[in-house]
PDB file of N, CA and C in Angstrom:
ATOM      1  N   MET A   1     125.131 153.314  14.836  1.00  0.00           N
ATOM      2  CA  MET A   1     123.694 153.305  14.948  1.00  0.00           C
ATOM      3  C   MET A   1     123.270 152.702  16.291  1.00  0.00           C
ATOM      4  N   ILE A   2     123.923 151.645  16.682  1.00  0.00           N
ATOM      5  CA  ILE A   2     123.577 150.982  17.943  1.00  0.00           C
ATOM      6  C   ILE A   2     123.835 151.919  19.119  1.00  0.00           C
ATOM      7  N   ILE A   3     124.971 152.573  19.101  1.00  0.00           N
ATOM      8  CA  ILE A   3     125.302 153.510  20.186  1.00  0.00           C
ATOM      9  C   ILE A   3     124.290 154.655  20.214  1.00  0.00           C
ATOM     10  N   TYR A   4     123.926 155.156  19.040  1.00  0.00           N
ATOM     11  CA  TYR A   4     122.945 156.240  18.953  1.00  0.00           C
ATOM     12  C   TYR A   4     121.600 155.807  19.537  1.00  0.00           C
ATOM     13  N   LEU A   5     121.118 154.633  19.147  1.00  0.00           N
ATOM     14  CA  LEU A   5     119.824 154.154  19.639  1.00  0.00           C
ATOM     15  C   LEU A   5     119.830 153.955  21.145  1.00  0.00           C
ATOM     16  N   ARG A   6     120.906 153.384  21.652  1.00  0.00           N
ATOM     17  CA  ARG A   6     120.995 153.186  23.106  1.00  0.00           C
ATOM     18  C   ARG A   6     121.039 154.528  23.839  1.00  0.00           C
ATOM     19  N   GLY A   7     121.772 155.489  23.283  1.00  0.00           N
ATOM     20  CA  GLY A   7     121.844 156.815  23.888  1.00  0.00           C
ATOM     21  C   GLY A   7     120.502 157.518  23.865  1.00  0.00           C
ATOM     22  N   LEU A   8     119.788 157.380  22.756  1.00  0.00           N
ATOM     23  CA  LEU A   8     118.460 157.984  22.648  1.00  0.00           C
ATOM     24  C   LEU A   8     117.506 157.364  23.667  1.00  0.00           C
ATOM     25  N   ALA A   9     117.593 156.059  23.855  1.00  0.00           N
ATOM     26  CA  ALA A   9     116.758 155.392  24.856  1.00  0.00           C
ATOM     27  C   ALA A   9     117.074 155.917  26.257  1.00  0.00           C
ATOM     28  N   GLU A  10     118.343 156.139  26.533  1.00  0.00           N
ATOM     29  CA  GLU A  10     118.728 156.688  27.838  1.00  0.00           C
ATOM     30  C   GLU A  10     118.205 158.108  28.013  1.00  0.00           C
ATOM     31  N   ASP A  11     118.290 158.901  26.952  1.00  0.00           N
ATOM     32  CA  ASP A  11     117.744 160.266  27.011  1.00  0.00           C
ATOM     33  C   ASP A  11     116.242 160.240  27.291  1.00  0.00           C
ATOM     34  N   LEU A  12     115.543 159.303  26.656  1.00  0.00           N
ATOM     35  CA  LEU A  12     114.105 159.177  26.897  1.00  0.00           C
ATOM     36  C   LEU A  12     113.833 158.776  28.344  1.00  0.00           C
ATOM     37  N   ASN A  13     114.688 157.950  28.909  1.00  0.00           N
ATOM     38  CA  ASN A  13     114.510 157.577  30.315  1.00  0.00           C
ATOM     39  C   ASN A  13     114.616 158.799  31.216  1.00  0.00           C
ATOM     40  N   ALA A  14     115.519 159.710  30.895  1.00  0.00           N
ATOM     41  CA  ALA A  14     115.651 160.937  31.693  1.00  0.00           C
ATOM     42  C   ALA A  14     114.393 161.795  31.567  1.00  0.00           C
ATOM     43  N   ILE A  15     113.867 161.896  30.349  1.00  0.00           N
ATOM     44  CA  ILE A  15     112.630 162.651  30.135  1.00  0.00           C
ATOM     45  C   ILE A  15     111.482 161.965  30.867  1.00  0.00           C
ATOM     46  N   GLU A  16     111.463 160.640  30.805  1.00  0.00           N
ATOM     47  CA  GLU A  16     110.418 159.860  31.470  1.00  0.00           C
ATOM     48  C   GLU A  16     110.399 160.140  32.966  1.00  0.00           C
ATOM     49  N   THR A  17     111.556 160.180  33.576  1.00  0.00           N
ATOM     50  CA  THR A  17     111.646 160.446  35.008  1.00  0.00           C
ATOM     51  C   THR A  17     111.091 161.820  35.342  1.00  0.00           C
ATOM     52  N   GLU A  18     111.445 162.824  34.541  1.00  0.00           N
ATOM     53  CA  GLU A  18     110.961 164.188  34.765  1.00  0.00           C
ATOM     54  C   GLU A  18     109.443 164.258  34.573  1.00  0.00           C
ATOM     55  N   ALA A  19     108.929 163.612  33.526  1.00  0.00           N
ATOM     56  CA  ALA A  19     107.482 163.616  33.276  1.00  0.00           C
ATOM     57  C   ALA A  19     106.733 162.910  34.399  1.00  0.00           C
ATOM     58  N   ASP A  20     107.317 161.839  34.927  1.00  0.00           N
ATOM     59  CA  ASP A  20     106.686 161.096  36.009  1.00  0.00           C
ATOM     60  C   ASP A  20     106.592 161.962  37.257  1.00  0.00           C
ATOM     61  N   VAL A  21     107.625 162.737  37.525  1.00  0.00           N
ATOM     62  CA  VAL A  21     107.626 163.639  38.674  1.00  0.00           C
ATOM     63  C   VAL A  21     106.519 164.682  38.528  1.00  0.00           C
ATOM     64  N   GLN A  22     106.276 165.124  37.310  1.00  0.00           N
ATOM     65  CA  GLN A  22     105.262 166.139  37.058  1.00  0.00           C
ATOM     66  C   GLN A  22     103.855 165.545  36.929  1.00  0.00           C
ATOM     67  N   GLY A  23     103.723 164.229  36.998  1.00  0.00           N
ATOM     68  CA  GLY A  23     102.416 163.589  36.947  1.00  0.00           C
ATOM     69  C   GLY A  23     101.828 163.421  35.564  1.00  0.00           C
ATOM     70  N   ALA A  24     102.630 163.443  34.538  1.00  0.00           N
ATOM     71  CA  ALA A  24     102.152 163.291  33.164  1.00  0.00           C
ATOM     72  C   ALA A  24     102.175 161.808  32.787  1.00  0.00           C
ATOM     73  N   HIS A  25     101.243 161.051  33.336  1.00  0.00           N
ATOM     74  CA  HIS A  25     101.276 159.593  33.218  1.00  0.00           C
ATOM     75  C   HIS A  25     101.130 159.091  31.779  1.00  0.00           C
ATOM     76  N   GLN A  26     100.299 159.723  30.973  1.00  0.00           N
ATOM     77  CA  GLN A  26     100.127 159.280  29.588  1.00  0.00           C
ATOM     78  C   GLN A  26     101.420 159.499  28.801  1.00  0.00           C
ATOM     79  N   ALA A  27     102.058 160.626  29.028  1.00  0.00           N
ATOM     80  CA  ALA A  27     103.327 160.903  28.353  1.00  0.00           C
ATOM     81  C   ALA A  27     104.397 159.921  28.814  1.00  0.00           C
ATOM     82  N   VAL A  28     104.386 159.588  30.095  1.00  0.00           N
ATOM     83  CA  VAL A  28     105.372 158.640  30.631  1.00  0.00           C
ATOM     84  C   VAL A  28     105.224 157.290  29.945  1.00  0.00           C
ATOM     85  N   ARG A  29     103.981 156.857  29.778  1.00  0.00           N
ATOM     86  CA  ARG A  29     103.742 155.562  29.130  1.00  0.00           C
ATOM     87  C   ARG A  29     104.267 155.570  27.692  1.00  0.00           C
ATOM     88  N   ALA A  30     104.007 156.642  26.941  1.00  0.00           N
ATOM     89  CA  ALA A  30     104.476 156.742  25.553  1.00  0.00           C
ATOM     90  C   ALA A  30     106.001 156.774  25.495  1.00  0.00           C
ATOM     91  N   ILE A  31     106.608 157.516  26.400  1.00  0.00           N
ATOM     92  CA  ILE A  31     108.071 157.613  26.430  1.00  0.00           C
ATOM     93  C   ILE A  31     108.684 156.269  26.803  1.00  0.00           C
ATOM     94  N   THR A  32     108.094 155.590  27.775  1.00  0.00           N
ATOM     95  CA  THR A  32     108.593 154.276  28.192  1.00  0.00           C
ATOM     96  C   THR A  32     108.536 153.288  27.033  1.00  0.00           C
ATOM     97  N   GLU A  33     107.411 153.269  26.327  1.00  0.00           N
ATOM     98  CA  GLU A  33     107.266 152.366  25.184  1.00  0.00           C
ATOM     99  C   GLU A  33     108.289 152.681  24.096  1.00  0.00           C
ATOM    100  N   ALA A  34     108.519 153.952  23.831  1.00  0.00           N
ATOM    101  CA  ALA A  34     109.494 154.342  22.811  1.00  0.00           C
ATOM    102  C   ALA A  34     110.903 153.912  23.220  1.00  0.00           C
ATOM    103  N   ALA A  35     111.247 154.104  24.484  1.00  0.00           N
ATOM    104  CA  ALA A  35     112.583 153.721  24.964  1.00  0.00           C
ATOM    105  C   ALA A  35     112.788 152.213  24.850  1.00  0.00           C
ATOM    106  N   VAL A  36     111.771 151.454  25.206  1.00  0.00           N
ATOM    107  CA  VAL A  36     111.864 149.989  25.117  1.00  0.00           C
ATOM    108  C   VAL A  36     112.053 149.563  23.661  1.00  0.00           C
ATOM    109  N   ARG A  37     111.281 150.161  22.761  1.00  0.00           N
ATOM    110  CA  ARG A  37     111.389 149.799  21.346  1.00  0.00           C
ATOM    111  C   ARG A  37     112.756 150.174  20.772  1.00  0.00           C
ATOM    112  N   LEU A  38     113.308 151.310  21.202  1.00  0.00           N
ATOM    113  CA  LEU A  38     114.644 151.701  20.735  1.00  0.00           C
ATOM    114  C   LEU A  38     115.704 150.709  21.211  1.00  0.00           C
ATOM    115  N   ARG A  39     115.590 150.294  22.473  1.00  0.00           N
ATOM    116  CA  ARG A  39     116.547 149.298  22.984  1.00  0.00           C
ATOM    117  C   ARG A  39     116.417 147.971  22.234  1.00  0.00           C
ATOM    118  N   GLU A  40     115.183 147.560  21.960  1.00  0.00           N
ATOM    119  CA  GLU A  40     114.965 146.318  21.217  1.00  0.00           C
ATOM    120  C   GLU A  40     115.555 146.413  19.811  1.00  0.00           C
ATOM    121  N   LEU A  41     115.375 147.562  19.164  1.00  0.00           N
ATOM    122  CA  LEU A  41     115.943 147.763  17.832  1.00  0.00           C
ATOM    123  C   LEU A  41     117.464 147.712  17.887  1.00  0.00           C
ATOM    124  N   ALA A  42     118.056 148.370  18.860  1.00  0.00           N
ATOM    125  CA  ALA A  42     119.515 148.357  18.999  1.00  0.00           C
ATOM    126  C   ALA A  42     120.026 146.928  19.180  1.00  0.00           C
ATOM    127  N   GLU A  43     119.332 146.141  19.996  1.00  0.00           N
ATOM    128  CA  GLU A  43     119.754 144.759  20.222  1.00  0.00           C
ATOM    129  C   GLU A  43     119.574 143.907  18.970  1.00  0.00           C
ATOM    130  N   ALA A  44     118.482 144.123  18.240  1.00  0.00           N
ATOM    131  CA  ALA A  44     118.266 143.370  17.000  1.00  0.00           C
ATOM    132  C   ALA A  44     119.356 143.676  15.981  1.00  0.00           C
ATOM    133  N   ILE A  45     119.755 144.929  15.894  1.00  0.00           N
ATOM    134  CA  ILE A  45     120.823 145.313  14.968  1.00  0.00           C
ATOM    135  C   ILE A  45     122.150 144.697  15.416  1.00  0.00           C
ATOM    136  N   ALA A  46     122.396 144.720  16.722  1.00  0.00           N
ATOM    137  CA  ALA A  46     123.663 144.207  17.256  1.00  0.00           C
ATOM    138  C   ALA A  46     123.788 142.695  17.097  1.00  0.00           C
ATOM    139  N   GLU A  47     122.673 141.987  17.086  1.00  0.00           N
ATOM    140  CA  GLU A  47     122.698 140.517  17.018  1.00  0.00           C
ATOM    141  C   GLU A  47     123.143 139.981  15.669  1.00  0.00           C
ATOM    142  N   LYS A  48     123.021 140.758  14.618  1.00  0.00           N
ATOM    143  CA  LYS A  48     123.241 140.251  13.279  1.00  0.00           C
ATOM    144  C   LYS A  48     124.318 141.040  12.562  1.00  0.00           C
ATOM    145  N   ASP A  49     125.091 140.363  11.756  1.00  0.00           N
ATOM    146  CA  ASP A  49     126.062 141.009  10.888  1.00  0.00           C
ATOM    147  C   ASP A  49     125.340 141.314   9.577  1.00  0.00           C
ATOM    148  N   TRP A  50     124.805 142.534   9.470  1.00  0.00           N
ATOM    149  CA  TRP A  50     123.945 142.902   8.352  1.00  0.00           C
ATOM    150  C   TRP A  50     124.748 143.129   7.083  1.00  0.00           C
ATOM    151  N   GLY A  51     124.346 142.454   6.019  1.00  0.00           N
ATOM    152  CA  GLY A  51     124.914 142.665   4.698  1.00  0.00           C
ATOM    153  C   GLY A  51     123.937 143.453   3.844  1.00  0.00           C
ATOM    154  N   LEU A  52     124.350 143.833   2.658  1.00  0.00           N
ATOM    155  CA  LEU A  52     123.509 144.615   1.767  1.00  0.00           C
ATOM    156  C   LEU A  52     122.229 143.857   1.403  1.00  0.00           C
ATOM    157  N   ARG A  53     122.340 142.564   1.189  1.00  0.00           N
ATOM    158  CA  ARG A  53     121.164 141.753   0.854  1.00  0.00           C
ATOM    159  C   ARG A  53     120.153 141.789   2.017  1.00  0.00           C
ATOM    160  N   ASP A  54     120.659 141.753   3.244  1.00  0.00           N
ATOM    161  CA  ASP A  54     119.783 141.827   4.420  1.00  0.00           C
ATOM    162  C   ASP A  54     119.046 143.166   4.476  1.00  0.00           C
ATOM    163  N   VAL A  55     119.744 144.223   4.129  1.00  0.00           N
ATOM    164  CA  VAL A  55     119.140 145.557   4.147  1.00  0.00           C
ATOM    165  C   VAL A  55     118.004 145.631   3.129  1.00  0.00           C
ATOM    166  N   PHE A  56     118.243 145.126   1.920  1.00  0.00           N
ATOM    167  CA  PHE A  56     117.192 145.132   0.903  1.00  0.00           C
ATOM    168  C   PHE A  56     115.982 144.305   1.343  1.00  0.00           C
ATOM    169  N   GLN A  57     116.249 143.159   1.959  1.00  0.00           N
ATOM    170  CA  GLN A  57     115.149 142.322   2.426  1.00  0.00           C
ATOM    171  C   GLN A  57     114.376 143.003   3.547  1.00  0.00           C
ATOM    172  N   ALA A  58     115.089 143.651   4.467  1.00  0.00           N
ATOM    173  CA  ALA A  58     114.429 144.353   5.573  1.00  0.00           C
ATOM    174  C   ALA A  58     113.556 145.487   5.046  1.00  0.00           C
ATOM    175  N   LYS A  59     114.045 146.195   4.029  1.00  0.00           N
ATOM    176  CA  LYS A  59     113.240 147.268   3.443  1.00  0.00           C
ATOM    177  C   LYS A  59     112.005 146.711   2.744  1.00  0.00           C
ATOM    178  N   ALA A  60     112.137 145.590   2.072  1.00  0.00           N
ATOM    179  CA  ALA A  60     110.982 144.964   1.422  1.00  0.00           C
ATOM    180  C   ALA A  60     109.964 144.516   2.470  1.00  0.00           C
ATOM    181  N   ASP A  61     110.455 143.954   3.565  1.00  0.00           N
ATOM    182  CA  ASP A  61     109.567 143.538   4.655  1.00  0.00           C
ATOM    183  C   ASP A  61     108.854 144.744   5.258  1.00  0.00           C
ATOM    184  N   LEU A  62     109.591 145.829   5.438  1.00  0.00           N
ATOM    185  CA  LEU A  62     108.998 147.042   5.989  1.00  0.00           C
ATOM    186  C   LEU A  62     107.905 147.580   5.069  1.00  0.00           C
ATOM    187  N   ALA A  63     108.128 147.543   3.767  1.00  0.00           N
ATOM    188  CA  ALA A  63     107.132 148.028   2.810  1.00  0.00           C
ATOM    189  C   ALA A  63     105.820 147.266   2.962  1.00  0.00           C
ATOM    190  N   GLU A  64     105.903 145.980   3.262  1.00  0.00           N
ATOM    191  CA  GLU A  64     104.698 145.173   3.454  1.00  0.00           C
ATOM    192  C   GLU A  64     103.993 145.482   4.763  1.00  0.00           C
ATOM    193  N   VAL A  65     104.772 145.781   5.800  1.00  0.00           N
ATOM    194  CA  VAL A  65     104.214 145.979   7.138  1.00  0.00           C
ATOM    195  C   VAL A  65     103.751 147.413   7.363  1.00  0.00           C
ATOM    196  N   ASP A  66     104.553 148.391   6.926  1.00  0.00           N
ATOM    197  CA  ASP A  66     104.245 149.786   7.210  1.00  0.00           C
ATOM    198  C   ASP A  66     104.735 150.665   6.070  1.00  0.00           C
ATOM    199  N   SER A  67     103.836 150.965   5.150  1.00  0.00           N
ATOM    200  CA  SER A  67     104.223 151.711   3.957  1.00  0.00           C
ATOM    201  C   SER A  67     104.661 153.146   4.281  1.00  0.00           C
ATOM    202  N   ASP A  68     104.124 153.734   5.349  1.00  0.00           N
ATOM    203  CA  ASP A  68     104.496 155.102   5.720  1.00  0.00           C
ATOM    204  C   ASP A  68     105.969 155.160   6.119  1.00  0.00           C
ATOM    205  N   TYR A  69     106.419 154.237   6.950  1.00  0.00           N
ATOM    206  CA  TYR A  69     107.829 154.206   7.338  1.00  0.00           C
ATOM    207  C   TYR A  69     108.716 153.867   6.126  1.00  0.00           C
ATOM    208  N   PHE A  70     108.232 152.974   5.271  1.00  0.00           N
ATOM    209  CA  PHE A  70     109.010 152.632   4.085  1.00  0.00           C
ATOM    210  C   PHE A  70     109.216 153.857   3.199  1.00  0.00           C
ATOM    211  N   ARG A  71     108.137 154.612   2.947  1.00  0.00           N
ATOM    212  CA  ARG A  71     108.260 155.827   2.133  1.00  0.00           C
ATOM    213  C   ARG A  71     109.199 156.836   2.799  1.00  0.00           C
ATOM    214  N   ALA A  72     109.233 156.840   4.119  1.00  0.00           N
ATOM    215  CA  ALA A  72     110.111 157.769   4.835  1.00  0.00           C
ATOM    216  C   ALA A  72     111.584 157.447   4.591  1.00  0.00           C
ATOM    217  N   MET A  73     111.877 156.201   4.237  1.00  0.00           N
ATOM    218  CA  MET A  73     113.265 155.798   4.003  1.00  0.00           C
ATOM    219  C   MET A  73     113.712 156.020   2.558  1.00  0.00           C
ATOM    220  N   CYS A  74     112.793 156.304   1.644  1.00  0.00           N
ATOM    221  CA  CYS A  74     113.122 156.403   0.229  1.00  0.00           C
ATOM    222  C   CYS A  74     112.515 157.647  -0.381  1.00  0.00           C
ATOM    223  N   PRO A  75     113.099 158.786  -0.456  1.00  0.00           N
ATOM    224  CA  PRO A  75     114.283 159.221   0.292  1.00  0.00           C
ATOM    225  C   PRO A  75     113.948 159.414   1.770  1.00  0.00           C
ATOM    226  N   VAL A  76     114.931 159.704   2.524  1.00  0.00           N
ATOM    227  CA  VAL A  76     114.764 159.824   3.964  1.00  0.00           C
ATOM    228  C   VAL A  76     113.765 160.923   4.318  1.00  0.00           C
ATOM    229  N   ASP A  77     112.839 160.604   5.231  1.00  0.00           N
ATOM    230  CA  ASP A  77     111.818 161.550   5.682  1.00  0.00           C
ATOM    231  C   ASP A  77     111.809 161.559   7.214  1.00  0.00           C
ATOM    232  N   PRO A  78     112.609 162.426   7.830  1.00  0.00           N
ATOM    233  CA  PRO A  78     112.681 162.429   9.291  1.00  0.00           C
ATOM    234  C   PRO A  78     111.378 162.878   9.958  1.00  0.00           C
ATOM    235  N   ASP A  79     110.493 163.524   9.222  1.00  0.00           N
ATOM    236  CA  ASP A  79     109.241 163.998   9.814  1.00  0.00           C
ATOM    237  C   ASP A  79     108.240 162.884  10.082  1.00  0.00           C
ATOM    238  N   VAL A  80     108.508 161.685   9.583  1.00  0.00           N
ATOM    239  CA  VAL A  80     107.576 160.582   9.802  1.00  0.00           C
ATOM    240  C   VAL A  80     107.376 160.329  11.296  1.00  0.00           C
ATOM    241  N   PHE A  81     108.402 160.499  12.089  1.00  0.00           N
ATOM    242  CA  PHE A  81     108.280 160.251  13.525  1.00  0.00           C
ATOM    243  C   PHE A  81     107.430 161.314  14.202  1.00  0.00           C
ATOM    244  N   ILE A  82     107.540 162.544  13.736  1.00  0.00           N
ATOM    245  CA  ILE A  82     106.703 163.620  14.277  1.00  0.00           C
ATOM    246  C   ILE A  82     105.240 163.372  13.923  1.00  0.00           C
ATOM    247  N   ARG A  83     104.985 162.923  12.700  1.00  0.00           N
ATOM    248  CA  ARG A  83     103.606 162.620  12.293  1.00  0.00           C
ATOM    249  C   ARG A  83     103.032 161.446  13.060  1.00  0.00           C
ATOM    250  N   ARG A  84     103.832 160.411  13.253  1.00  0.00           N
ATOM    251  CA  ARG A  84     103.337 159.187  13.877  1.00  0.00           C
ATOM    252  C   ARG A  84     103.283 159.262  15.401  1.00  0.00           C
ATOM    253  N   HIS A  85     104.179 160.040  16.006  1.00  0.00           N
ATOM    254  CA  HIS A  85     104.273 160.096  17.462  1.00  0.00           C
ATOM    255  C   HIS A  85     104.383 161.537  17.938  1.00  0.00           C
ATOM    256  N   PRO A  86     103.380 162.368  17.648  1.00  0.00           N
ATOM    257  CA  PRO A  86     103.474 163.793  17.986  1.00  0.00           C
ATOM    258  C   PRO A  86     103.593 164.046  19.491  1.00  0.00           C
ATOM    259  N   GLN A  87     103.086 163.145  20.293  1.00  0.00           N
ATOM    260  CA  GLN A  87     103.146 163.331  21.747  1.00  0.00           C
ATOM    261  C   GLN A  87     104.586 163.329  22.269  1.00  0.00           C
ATOM    262  N   LEU A  88     105.496 162.744  21.543  1.00  0.00           N
ATOM    263  CA  LEU A  88     106.894 162.728  21.973  1.00  0.00           C
ATOM    264  C   LEU A  88     107.621 164.031  21.642  1.00  0.00           C
ATOM    265  N   PHE A  89     106.983 164.896  20.846  1.00  0.00           N
ATOM    266  CA  PHE A  89     107.623 166.126  20.412  1.00  0.00           C
ATOM    267  C   PHE A  89     106.915 167.369  20.951  1.00  0.00           C
ATOM    268  N   GLU A  90     106.065 167.186  21.938  1.00  0.00           N
ATOM    269  CA  GLU A  90     105.347 168.319  22.520  1.00  0.00           C
ATOM    270  C   GLU A  90     106.230 169.094  23.458  1.00  0.00           C
TER     271      GLU A  90
END
């Protein structure tokens, strides 16, 4: 998961560079923010040795903070990202 998140952040950086060249400043800002958040998530995951109890607690915390993302995890709903961040999929 950590390798995937870091790779995705790098891919976004490549897209960001291309968008910046084309002058799409709003898209660049959204892509930059997404890349930063992916790197932060990868580092947060890497910092801790996650056990099953930690996973359950993280899901409970997520349910309190963002019910849409929580519902996307039970069962998995990959379309949540398209709904929440459509500008990244244009």
